[in-house]
Amino acid sequence: MSWQTYVDEHLMCDVGDGQGHHLTAAAIIGHDGSVWAQSANFPQFKPQEMTDIMKDFDEPGHLAPTGLFLAGLKYMVIQGEPGAVIRGKKSNREREK
């Protein structure tokens, strides 16, 4: 199975809660910032955003005070696995320019 198939068939599927909830976007990105697979609507991120995400893997909790940013949009950092998975939920605020 390819990483793209994994994103398309496993990450973007119904979460099984009986209410039809699913992710709106997903990606698998390497530690060097290269995109291995992504959903069609995954936002284009900025280099600094990727740097901050990678720092959170090295220093879990780095993003919690400021939030996770992708394409300038702010996401609240929610449950994850320190050093392995970062999960975010879209916030109503955008990064100040």
PDB file of N, CA and C in Angstrom:
ATOM      1  N   MET A   1       0.848  -1.171   0.000  1.00  0.00           N
ATOM      2  CA  MET A   1       0.000   0.000   0.000  1.00  0.00           C
ATOM      3  C   MET A   1       0.900   1.243   0.000  1.00  0.00           C
ATOM      4  N   SER A   2       0.530   2.217  -0.799  1.00  0.00           N
ATOM      5  CA  SER A   2       1.301   3.465  -0.853  1.00  0.00           C
ATOM      6  C   SER A   2       0.829   4.396   0.262  1.00  0.00           C
ATOM      7  N   TRP A   3       1.654   5.404   0.571  1.00  0.00           N
ATOM      8  CA  TRP A   3       1.260   6.398   1.557  1.00  0.00           C
ATOM      9  C   TRP A   3       0.033   7.167   1.080  1.00  0.00           C
ATOM     10  N   GLN A   4      -0.061   7.422  -0.234  1.00  0.00           N
ATOM     11  CA  GLN A   4      -1.221   8.140  -0.751  1.00  0.00           C
ATOM     12  C   GLN A   4      -2.494   7.328  -0.541  1.00  0.00           C
ATOM     13  N   THR A   5      -2.416   6.024  -0.768  1.00  0.00           N
ATOM     14  CA  THR A   5      -3.568   5.161  -0.525  1.00  0.00           C
ATOM     15  C   THR A   5      -3.952   5.195   0.947  1.00  0.00           C
ATOM     16  N   TYR A   6      -2.956   5.196   1.825  1.00  0.00           N
ATOM     17  CA  TYR A   6      -3.222   5.256   3.265  1.00  0.00           C
ATOM     18  C   TYR A   6      -3.970   6.540   3.623  1.00  0.00           C
ATOM     19  N   VAL A   7      -3.520   7.674   3.089  1.00  0.00           N
ATOM     20  CA  VAL A   7      -4.204   8.949   3.344  1.00  0.00           C
ATOM     21  C   VAL A   7      -5.629   8.890   2.808  1.00  0.00           C
ATOM     22  N   ASP A   8      -5.771   8.499   1.548  1.00  0.00           N
ATOM     23  CA  ASP A   8      -7.080   8.501   0.896  1.00  0.00           C
ATOM     24  C   ASP A   8      -8.077   7.539   1.529  1.00  0.00           C
ATOM     25  N   GLU A   9      -7.636   6.329   1.845  1.00  0.00           N
ATOM     26  CA  GLU A   9      -8.557   5.292   2.292  1.00  0.00           C
ATOM     27  C   GLU A   9      -8.668   5.119   3.801  1.00  0.00           C
ATOM     28  N   HIS A  10      -7.671   5.596   4.546  1.00  0.00           N
ATOM     29  CA  HIS A  10      -7.696   5.386   5.994  1.00  0.00           C
ATOM     30  C   HIS A  10      -7.816   6.679   6.786  1.00  0.00           C
ATOM     31  N   LEU A  11      -7.094   7.715   6.395  1.00  0.00           N
ATOM     32  CA  LEU A  11      -7.169   8.964   7.149  1.00  0.00           C
ATOM     33  C   LEU A  11      -8.384   9.803   6.778  1.00  0.00           C
ATOM     34  N   MET A  12      -8.770   9.775   5.518  1.00  0.00           N
ATOM     35  CA  MET A  12      -9.883  10.609   5.059  1.00  0.00           C
ATOM     36  C   MET A  12     -11.232   9.894   5.105  1.00  0.00           C
ATOM     37  N   CYS A  13     -11.295   8.776   5.776  1.00  0.00           N
ATOM     38  CA  CYS A  13     -12.550   8.022   5.859  1.00  0.00           C
ATOM     39  C   CYS A  13     -13.372   8.464   7.067  1.00  0.00           C
ATOM     40  N   ASP A  14     -14.593   7.987   7.151  1.00  0.00           N
ATOM     41  CA  ASP A  14     -15.470   8.228   8.293  1.00  0.00           C
ATOM     42  C   ASP A  14     -14.775   7.713   9.548  1.00  0.00           C
ATOM     43  N   VAL A  15     -14.814   8.496  10.630  1.00  0.00           N
ATOM     44  CA  VAL A  15     -14.120   8.091  11.857  1.00  0.00           C
ATOM     45  C   VAL A  15     -14.866   7.014  12.642  1.00  0.00           C
ATOM     46  N   GLY A  16     -16.038   6.621  12.160  1.00  0.00           N
ATOM     47  CA  GLY A  16     -16.749   5.508  12.788  1.00  0.00           C
ATOM     48  C   GLY A  16     -17.520   5.870  14.037  1.00  0.00           C
ATOM     49  N   ASP A  17     -17.886   7.137  14.193  1.00  0.00           N
ATOM     50  CA  ASP A  17     -18.641   7.537  15.376  1.00  0.00           C
ATOM     51  C   ASP A  17     -20.151   7.498  15.151  1.00  0.00           C
ATOM     52  N   GLY A  18     -20.561   7.028  13.969  1.00  0.00           N
ATOM     53  CA  GLY A  18     -21.976   6.949  13.658  1.00  0.00           C
ATOM     54  C   GLY A  18     -22.599   8.269  13.249  1.00  0.00           C
ATOM     55  N   GLN A  19     -21.801   9.331  13.219  1.00  0.00           N
ATOM     56  CA  GLN A  19     -22.319  10.650  12.869  1.00  0.00           C
ATOM     57  C   GLN A  19     -21.726  11.185  11.568  1.00  0.00           C
ATOM     58  N   GLY A  20     -20.945  10.377  10.873  1.00  0.00           N
ATOM     59  CA  GLY A  20     -20.380  10.790   9.598  1.00  0.00           C
ATOM     60  C   GLY A  20     -19.216  11.762   9.688  1.00  0.00           C
ATOM     61  N   HIS A  21     -18.596  11.857  10.845  1.00  0.00           N
ATOM     62  CA  HIS A  21     -17.455  12.753  10.988  1.00  0.00           C
ATOM     63  C   HIS A  21     -16.229  12.184  10.281  1.00  0.00           C
ATOM     64  N   HIS A  22     -15.428  13.072   9.717  1.00  0.00           N
ATOM     65  CA  HIS A  22     -14.191  12.678   9.058  1.00  0.00           C
ATOM     66  C   HIS A  22     -13.225  13.860   9.039  1.00  0.00           C
ATOM     67  N   LEU A  23     -11.970  13.592   8.781  1.00  0.00           N
ATOM     68  CA  LEU A  23     -10.992  14.670   8.657  1.00  0.00           C
ATOM     69  C   LEU A  23     -11.303  15.485   7.417  1.00  0.00           C
ATOM     70  N   THR A  24     -10.966  16.771   7.445  1.00  0.00           N
ATOM     71  CA  THR A  24     -11.160  17.605   6.263  1.00  0.00           C
ATOM     72  C   THR A  24      -9.894  17.657   5.414  1.00  0.00           C
ATOM     73  N   ALA A  25      -8.747  17.345   6.016  1.00  0.00           N
ATOM     74  CA  ALA A  25      -7.476  17.319   5.288  1.00  0.00           C
ATOM     75  C   ALA A  25      -6.487  16.484   6.091  1.00  0.00           C
ATOM     76  N   ALA A  26      -5.557  15.858   5.393  1.00  0.00           N
ATOM     77  CA  ALA A  26      -4.537  15.042   6.050  1.00  0.00           C
ATOM     78  C   ALA A  26      -3.308  14.973   5.163  1.00  0.00           C
ATOM     79  N   ALA A  27      -2.161  14.784   5.803  1.00  0.00           N
ATOM     80  CA  ALA A  27      -0.912  14.638   5.052  1.00  0.00           C
ATOM     81  C   ALA A  27       0.065  13.815   5.863  1.00  0.00           C
ATOM     82  N   ILE A  28       0.991  13.198   5.163  1.00  0.00           N
ATOM     83  CA  ILE A  28       2.137  12.539   5.784  1.00  0.00           C
ATOM     84  C   ILE A  28       3.349  13.258   5.230  1.00  0.00           C
ATOM     85  N   ILE A  29       4.128  13.848   6.133  1.00  0.00           N
ATOM     86  CA  ILE A  29       5.248  14.699   5.745  1.00  0.00           C
ATOM     87  C   ILE A  29       6.508  14.191   6.431  1.00  0.00           C
ATOM     88  N   GLY A  30       7.591  14.098   5.683  1.00  0.00           N
ATOM     89  CA  GLY A  30       8.862  13.632   6.221  1.00  0.00           C
ATOM     90  C   GLY A  30       9.526  14.675   7.105  1.00  0.00           C
ATOM     91  N   HIS A  31      10.487  14.247   7.895  1.00  0.00           N
ATOM     92  CA  HIS A  31      11.207  15.155   8.793  1.00  0.00           C
ATOM     93  C   HIS A  31      11.960  16.245   8.043  1.00  0.00           C
ATOM     94  N   ASP A  32      12.203  16.043   6.778  1.00  0.00           N
ATOM     95  CA  ASP A  32      12.891  17.055   5.974  1.00  0.00           C
ATOM     96  C   ASP A  32      11.904  18.020   5.317  1.00  0.00           C
ATOM     97  N   GLY A  33      10.613  17.865   5.608  1.00  0.00           N
ATOM     98  CA  GLY A  33       9.599  18.750   5.052  1.00  0.00           C
ATOM     99  C   GLY A  33       9.017  18.282   3.736  1.00  0.00           C
ATOM    100  N   SER A  34       9.482  17.153   3.221  1.00  0.00           N
ATOM    101  CA  SER A  34       8.945  16.652   1.954  1.00  0.00           C
ATOM    102  C   SER A  34       7.582  15.992   2.188  1.00  0.00           C
ATOM    103  N   VAL A  35       6.669  16.228   1.274  1.00  0.00           N
ATOM    104  CA  VAL A  35       5.323  15.671   1.378  1.00  0.00           C
ATOM    105  C   VAL A  35       5.329  14.275   0.770  1.00  0.00           C
ATOM    106  N   TRP A  36       4.995  13.275   1.577  1.00  0.00           N
ATOM    107  CA  TRP A  36       4.939  11.894   1.105  1.00  0.00           C
ATOM    108  C   TRP A  36       3.574  11.601   0.495  1.00  0.00           C
ATOM    109  N   ALA A  37       2.526  12.163   1.105  1.00  0.00           N
ATOM    110  CA  ALA A  37       1.163  11.973   0.607  1.00  0.00           C
ATOM    111  C   ALA A  37       0.291  13.035   1.257  1.00  0.00           C
ATOM    112  N   GLN A  38      -0.756  13.453   0.551  1.00  0.00           N
ATOM    113  CA  GLN A  38      -1.666  14.442   1.129  1.00  0.00           C
ATOM    114  C   GLN A  38      -3.026  14.366   0.462  1.00  0.00           C
ATOM    115  N   SER A  39      -4.028  14.824   1.202  1.00  0.00           N
ATOM    116  CA  SER A  39      -5.360  14.919   0.620  1.00  0.00           C
ATOM    117  C   SER A  39      -5.368  16.093  -0.359  1.00  0.00           C
ATOM    118  N   ALA A  40      -6.326  16.076  -1.255  1.00  0.00           N
ATOM    119  CA  ALA A  40      -6.388  17.105  -2.299  1.00  0.00           C
ATOM    120  C   ALA A  40      -6.488  18.512  -1.732  1.00  0.00           C
ATOM    121  N   ASN A  41      -7.107  18.682  -0.568  1.00  0.00           N
ATOM    122  CA  ASN A  41      -7.311  20.013  -0.017  1.00  0.00           C
ATOM    123  C   ASN A  41      -6.372  20.355   1.142  1.00  0.00           C
ATOM    124  N   PHE A  42      -5.260  19.619   1.277  1.00  0.00           N
ATOM    125  CA  PHE A  42      -4.319  19.941   2.341  1.00  0.00           C
ATOM    126  C   PHE A  42      -3.669  21.287   2.026  1.00  0.00           C
ATOM    127  N   PRO A  43      -3.604  22.214   3.010  1.00  0.00           N
ATOM    128  CA  PRO A  43      -3.087  23.562   2.737  1.00  0.00           C
ATOM    129  C   PRO A  43      -1.581  23.582   2.447  1.00  0.00           C
ATOM    130  N   GLN A  44      -1.163  24.532   1.642  1.00  0.00           N
ATOM    131  CA  GLN A  44       0.265  24.728   1.350  1.00  0.00           C
ATOM    132  C   GLN A  44       0.881  25.420   2.562  1.00  0.00           C
ATOM    133  N   PHE A  45       1.823  24.771   3.216  1.00  0.00           N
ATOM    134  CA  PHE A  45       2.427  25.351   4.404  1.00  0.00           C
ATOM    135  C   PHE A  45       3.660  26.183   4.055  1.00  0.00           C
ATOM    136  N   LYS A  46       4.041  27.037   5.001  1.00  0.00           N
ATOM    137  CA  LYS A  46       5.206  27.903   4.845  1.00  0.00           C
ATOM    138  C   LYS A  46       6.406  27.240   5.517  1.00  0.00           C
ATOM    139  N   PRO A  47       7.633  27.515   5.047  1.00  0.00           N
ATOM    140  CA  PRO A  47       8.819  26.879   5.641  1.00  0.00           C
ATOM    141  C   PRO A  47       8.920  27.064   7.158  1.00  0.00           C
ATOM    142  N   GLN A  48       8.620  28.248   7.681  1.00  0.00           N
ATOM    143  CA  GLN A  48       8.712  28.476   9.130  1.00  0.00           C
ATOM    144  C   GLN A  48       7.703  27.621   9.885  1.00  0.00           C
ATOM    145  N   GLU A  49       6.554  27.406   9.282  1.00  0.00           N
ATOM    146  CA  GLU A  49       5.548  26.562   9.918  1.00  0.00           C
ATOM    147  C   GLU A  49       6.068  25.134  10.056  1.00  0.00           C
ATOM    148  N   MET A  50       6.735  24.640   9.032  1.00  0.00           N
ATOM    149  CA  MET A  50       7.307  23.294   9.096  1.00  0.00           C
ATOM    150  C   MET A  50       8.429  23.239  10.136  1.00  0.00           C
ATOM    151  N   THR A  51       9.234  24.279  10.208  1.00  0.00           N
ATOM    152  CA  THR A  51      10.311  24.345  11.207  1.00  0.00           C
ATOM    153  C   THR A  51       9.722  24.257  12.615  1.00  0.00           C
ATOM    154  N   ASP A  52       8.642  24.997  12.863  1.00  0.00           N
ATOM    155  CA  ASP A  52       8.001  24.971  14.182  1.00  0.00           C
ATOM    156  C   ASP A  52       7.418  23.590  14.499  1.00  0.00           C
ATOM    157  N   ILE A  53       6.832  22.958  13.508  1.00  0.00           N
ATOM    158  CA  ILE A  53       6.275  21.613  13.715  1.00  0.00           C
ATOM    159  C   ILE A  53       7.397  20.630  14.060  1.00  0.00           C
ATOM    160  N   MET A  54       8.491  20.694  13.325  1.00  0.00           N
ATOM    161  CA  MET A  54       9.603  19.777  13.589  1.00  0.00           C
ATOM    162  C   MET A  54      10.189  20.026  14.982  1.00  0.00           C
ATOM    163  N   LYS A  55      10.221  21.288  15.414  1.00  0.00           N
ATOM    164  CA  LYS A  55      10.722  21.600  16.752  1.00  0.00           C
ATOM    165  C   LYS A  55       9.825  20.966  17.818  1.00  0.00           C
ATOM    166  N   ASP A  56       8.513  20.910  17.547  1.00  0.00           N
ATOM    167  CA  ASP A  56       7.599  20.303  18.514  1.00  0.00           C
ATOM    168  C   ASP A  56       7.852  18.804  18.661  1.00  0.00           C
ATOM    169  N   PHE A  57       8.314  18.153  17.611  1.00  0.00           N
ATOM    170  CA  PHE A  57       8.673  16.740  17.736  1.00  0.00           C
ATOM    171  C   PHE A  57       9.904  16.580  18.623  1.00  0.00           C
ATOM    172  N   ASP A  58      10.853  17.507  18.503  1.00  0.00           N
ATOM    173  CA  ASP A  58      12.066  17.452  19.321  1.00  0.00           C
ATOM    174  C   ASP A  58      11.823  17.944  20.744  1.00  0.00           C
ATOM    175  N   GLU A  59      10.936  18.938  20.886  1.00  0.00           N
ATOM    176  CA  GLU A  59      10.613  19.529  22.183  1.00  0.00           C
ATOM    177  C   GLU A  59       9.091  19.535  22.349  1.00  0.00           C
ATOM    178  N   PRO A  60       8.496  18.381  22.715  1.00  0.00           N
ATOM    179  CA  PRO A  60       7.038  18.308  22.843  1.00  0.00           C
ATOM    180  C   PRO A  60       6.492  19.435  23.719  1.00  0.00           C
ATOM    181  N   GLY A  61       5.438  20.072  23.235  1.00  0.00           N
ATOM    182  CA  GLY A  61       4.840  21.188  23.955  1.00  0.00           C
ATOM    183  C   GLY A  61       5.234  22.541  23.395  1.00  0.00           C
ATOM    184  N   HIS A  62       6.198  22.562  22.459  1.00  0.00           N
ATOM    185  CA  HIS A  62       6.658  23.825  21.867  1.00  0.00           C
ATOM    186  C   HIS A  62       5.509  24.601  21.224  1.00  0.00           C
ATOM    187  N   LEU A  63       4.600  23.909  20.547  1.00  0.00           N
ATOM    188  CA  LEU A  63       3.506  24.573  19.832  1.00  0.00           C
ATOM    189  C   LEU A  63       2.312  24.918  20.718  1.00  0.00           C
ATOM    190  N   ALA A  64       2.188  24.279  21.859  1.00  0.00           N
ATOM    191  CA  ALA A  64       0.992  24.453  22.687  1.00  0.00           C
ATOM    192  C   ALA A  64       0.700  25.914  23.043  1.00  0.00           C
ATOM    193  N   PRO A  65       1.680  26.721  23.458  1.00  0.00           N
ATOM    194  CA  PRO A  65       1.366  28.102  23.833  1.00  0.00           C
ATOM    195  C   PRO A  65       0.946  28.990  22.654  1.00  0.00           C
ATOM    196  N   THR A  66       1.499  28.754  21.484  1.00  0.00           N
ATOM    197  CA  THR A  66       1.236  29.629  20.339  1.00  0.00           C
ATOM    198  C   THR A  66       0.253  29.040  19.354  1.00  0.00           C
ATOM    199  N   GLY A  67       0.132  27.734  19.324  1.00  0.00           N
ATOM    200  CA  GLY A  67      -0.719  27.062  18.360  1.00  0.00           C
ATOM    201  C   GLY A  67       0.085  26.527  17.197  1.00  0.00           C
ATOM    202  N   LEU A  68      -0.581  25.746  16.386  1.00  0.00           N
ATOM    203  CA  LEU A  68      -0.013  25.140  15.190  1.00  0.00           C
ATOM    204  C   LEU A  68      -0.515  25.947  14.005  1.00  0.00           C
ATOM    205  N   PHE A  69       0.379  26.357  13.129  1.00  0.00           N
ATOM    206  CA  PHE A  69      -0.014  27.142  11.969  1.00  0.00           C
ATOM    207  C   PHE A  69       0.279  26.370  10.690  1.00  0.00           C
ATOM    208  N   LEU A  70      -0.688  26.369   9.778  1.00  0.00           N
ATOM    209  CA  LEU A  70      -0.532  25.805   8.437  1.00  0.00           C
ATOM    210  C   LEU A  70      -1.141  26.795   7.457  1.00  0.00           C
ATOM    211  N   ALA A  71      -0.342  27.221   6.496  1.00  0.00           N
ATOM    212  CA  ALA A  71      -0.791  28.187   5.498  1.00  0.00           C
ATOM    213  C   ALA A  71      -1.338  29.453   6.152  1.00  0.00           C
ATOM    214  N   GLY A  72      -0.768  29.831   7.288  1.00  0.00           N
ATOM    215  CA  GLY A  72      -1.177  31.043   7.981  1.00  0.00           C
ATOM    216  C   GLY A  72      -2.400  30.897   8.859  1.00  0.00           C
ATOM    217  N   LEU A  73      -3.051  29.747   8.833  1.00  0.00           N
ATOM    218  CA  LEU A  73      -4.226  29.521   9.671  1.00  0.00           C
ATOM    219  C   LEU A  73      -3.810  28.863  10.978  1.00  0.00           C
ATOM    220  N   LYS A  74      -4.431  29.309  12.054  1.00  0.00           N
ATOM    221  CA  LYS A  74      -4.086  28.794  13.372  1.00  0.00           C
ATOM    222  C   LYS A  74      -4.942  27.588  13.733  1.00  0.00           C
ATOM    223  N   TYR A  75      -4.274  26.573  14.299  1.00  0.00           N
ATOM    224  CA  TYR A  75      -4.923  25.379  14.809  1.00  0.00           C
ATOM    225  C   TYR A  75      -4.535  25.225  16.273  1.00  0.00           C
ATOM    226  N   MET A  76      -5.498  24.897  17.117  1.00  0.00           N
ATOM    227  CA  MET A  76      -5.191  24.601  18.513  1.00  0.00           C
ATOM    228  C   MET A  76      -4.570  23.215  18.563  1.00  0.00           C
ATOM    229  N   VAL A  77      -3.520  23.063  19.344  1.00  0.00           N
ATOM    230  CA  VAL A  77      -2.884  21.759  19.498  1.00  0.00           C
ATOM    231  C   VAL A  77      -3.726  20.957  20.482  1.00  0.00           C
ATOM    232  N   ILE A  78      -4.168  19.792  20.036  1.00  0.00           N
ATOM    233  CA  ILE A  78      -4.972  18.919  20.894  1.00  0.00           C
ATOM    234  C   ILE A  78      -4.216  17.611  21.098  1.00  0.00           C
ATOM    235  N   GLN A  79      -4.829  16.642  21.714  1.00  0.00           N
ATOM    236  CA  GLN A  79      -4.173  15.387  22.047  1.00  0.00           C
ATOM    237  C   GLN A  79      -3.286  14.877  20.923  1.00  0.00           C
ATOM    238  N   GLY A  80      -2.225  14.249  21.293  1.00  0.00           N
ATOM    239  CA  GLY A  80      -1.314  13.658  20.330  1.00  0.00           C
ATOM    240  C   GLY A  80      -0.411  12.684  21.064  1.00  0.00           C
ATOM    241  N   GLU A  81       0.635  12.282  20.419  1.00  0.00           N
ATOM    242  CA  GLU A  81       1.618  11.412  21.035  1.00  0.00           C
ATOM    243  C   GLU A  81       2.939  12.157  20.983  1.00  0.00           C
ATOM    244  N   PRO A  82       3.425  12.665  22.134  1.00  0.00           N
ATOM    245  CA  PRO A  82       4.659  13.465  22.136  1.00  0.00           C
ATOM    246  C   PRO A  82       5.784  12.783  21.361  1.00  0.00           C
ATOM    247  N   GLY A  83       6.374  13.545  20.461  1.00  0.00           N
ATOM    248  CA  GLY A  83       7.472  13.031  19.660  1.00  0.00           C
ATOM    249  C   GLY A  83       7.040  12.171  18.480  1.00  0.00           C
ATOM    250  N   ALA A  84       5.719  11.946  18.316  1.00  0.00           N
ATOM    251  CA  ALA A  84       5.255  11.052  17.247  1.00  0.00           C
ATOM    252  C   ALA A  84       4.109  11.631  16.423  1.00  0.00           C
ATOM    253  N   VAL A  85       3.111  12.210  17.081  1.00  0.00           N
ATOM    254  CA  VAL A  85       1.927  12.714  16.386  1.00  0.00           C
ATOM    255  C   VAL A  85       1.539  14.068  16.968  1.00  0.00           C
ATOM    256  N   ILE A  86       1.250  15.017  16.087  1.00  0.00           N
ATOM    257  CA  ILE A  86       0.721  16.317  16.509  1.00  0.00           C
ATOM    258  C   ILE A  86      -0.662  16.432  15.876  1.00  0.00           C
ATOM    259  N   ARG A  87      -1.652  16.717  16.693  1.00  0.00           N
ATOM    260  CA  ARG A  87      -3.006  16.893  16.172  1.00  0.00           C
ATOM    261  C   ARG A  87      -3.445  18.318  16.465  1.00  0.00           C
ATOM    262  N   GLY A  88      -4.168  18.881  15.520  1.00  0.00           N
ATOM    263  CA  GLY A  88      -4.659  20.234  15.712  1.00  0.00           C
ATOM    264  C   GLY A  88      -6.105  20.362  15.310  1.00  0.00           C
ATOM    265  N   LYS A  89      -6.771  21.334  15.888  1.00  0.00           N
ATOM    266  CA  LYS A  89      -8.158  21.644  15.552  1.00  0.00           C
ATOM    267  C   LYS A  89      -8.189  23.100  15.122  1.00  0.00           C
ATOM    268  N   LYS A  90      -8.862  23.373  14.020  1.00  0.00           N
ATOM    269  CA  LYS A  90      -8.873  24.711  13.454  1.00  0.00           C
ATOM    270  C   LYS A  90      -9.427  25.735  14.438  1.00  0.00           C
ATOM    271  N   SER A  91      -8.706  26.833  14.557  1.00  0.00           N
ATOM    272  CA  SER A  91      -9.118  27.943  15.395  1.00  0.00           C
ATOM    273  C   SER A  91      -9.824  28.970  14.519  1.00  0.00           C
ATOM    274  N   ASN A  92     -10.518  29.894  15.121  1.00  0.00           N
ATOM    275  CA  ASN A  92     -11.188  30.940  14.359  1.00  0.00           C
ATOM    276  C   ASN A  92     -10.262  32.118  14.063  1.00  0.00           C
ATOM    277  N   ARG A  93      -9.051  32.114  14.633  1.00  0.00           N
ATOM    278  CA  ARG A  93      -8.131  33.226  14.440  1.00  0.00           C
ATOM    279  C   ARG A  93      -7.036  32.852  13.461  1.00  0.00           C
ATOM    280  N   GLU A  94      -6.554  33.847  12.735  1.00  0.00           N
ATOM    281  CA  GLU A  94      -5.431  33.664  11.820  1.00  0.00           C
ATOM    282  C   GLU A  94      -4.209  34.334  12.412  1.00  0.00           C
ATOM    283  N   ARG A  95      -3.056  33.965  11.912  1.00  0.00           N
ATOM    284  CA  ARG A  95      -1.803  34.566  12.333  1.00  0.00           C
ATOM    285  C   ARG A  95      -1.832  36.051  11.969  1.00  0.00           C
ATOM    286  N   GLU A  96      -1.348  36.869  12.888  1.00  0.00           N
ATOM    287  CA  GLU A  96      -1.237  38.290  12.594  1.00  0.00           C
ATOM    288  C   GLU A  96      -0.119  38.508  11.597  1.00  0.00           C
ATOM    289  N   LYS A  97      -0.359  39.399  10.678  1.00  0.00           N
ATOM    290  CA  LYS A  97       0.633  39.641   9.620  1.00  0.00           C
ATOM    291  C   LYS A  97       1.583  40.736   9.990  1.00  0.00           C
TER     292      LYS A  97
END
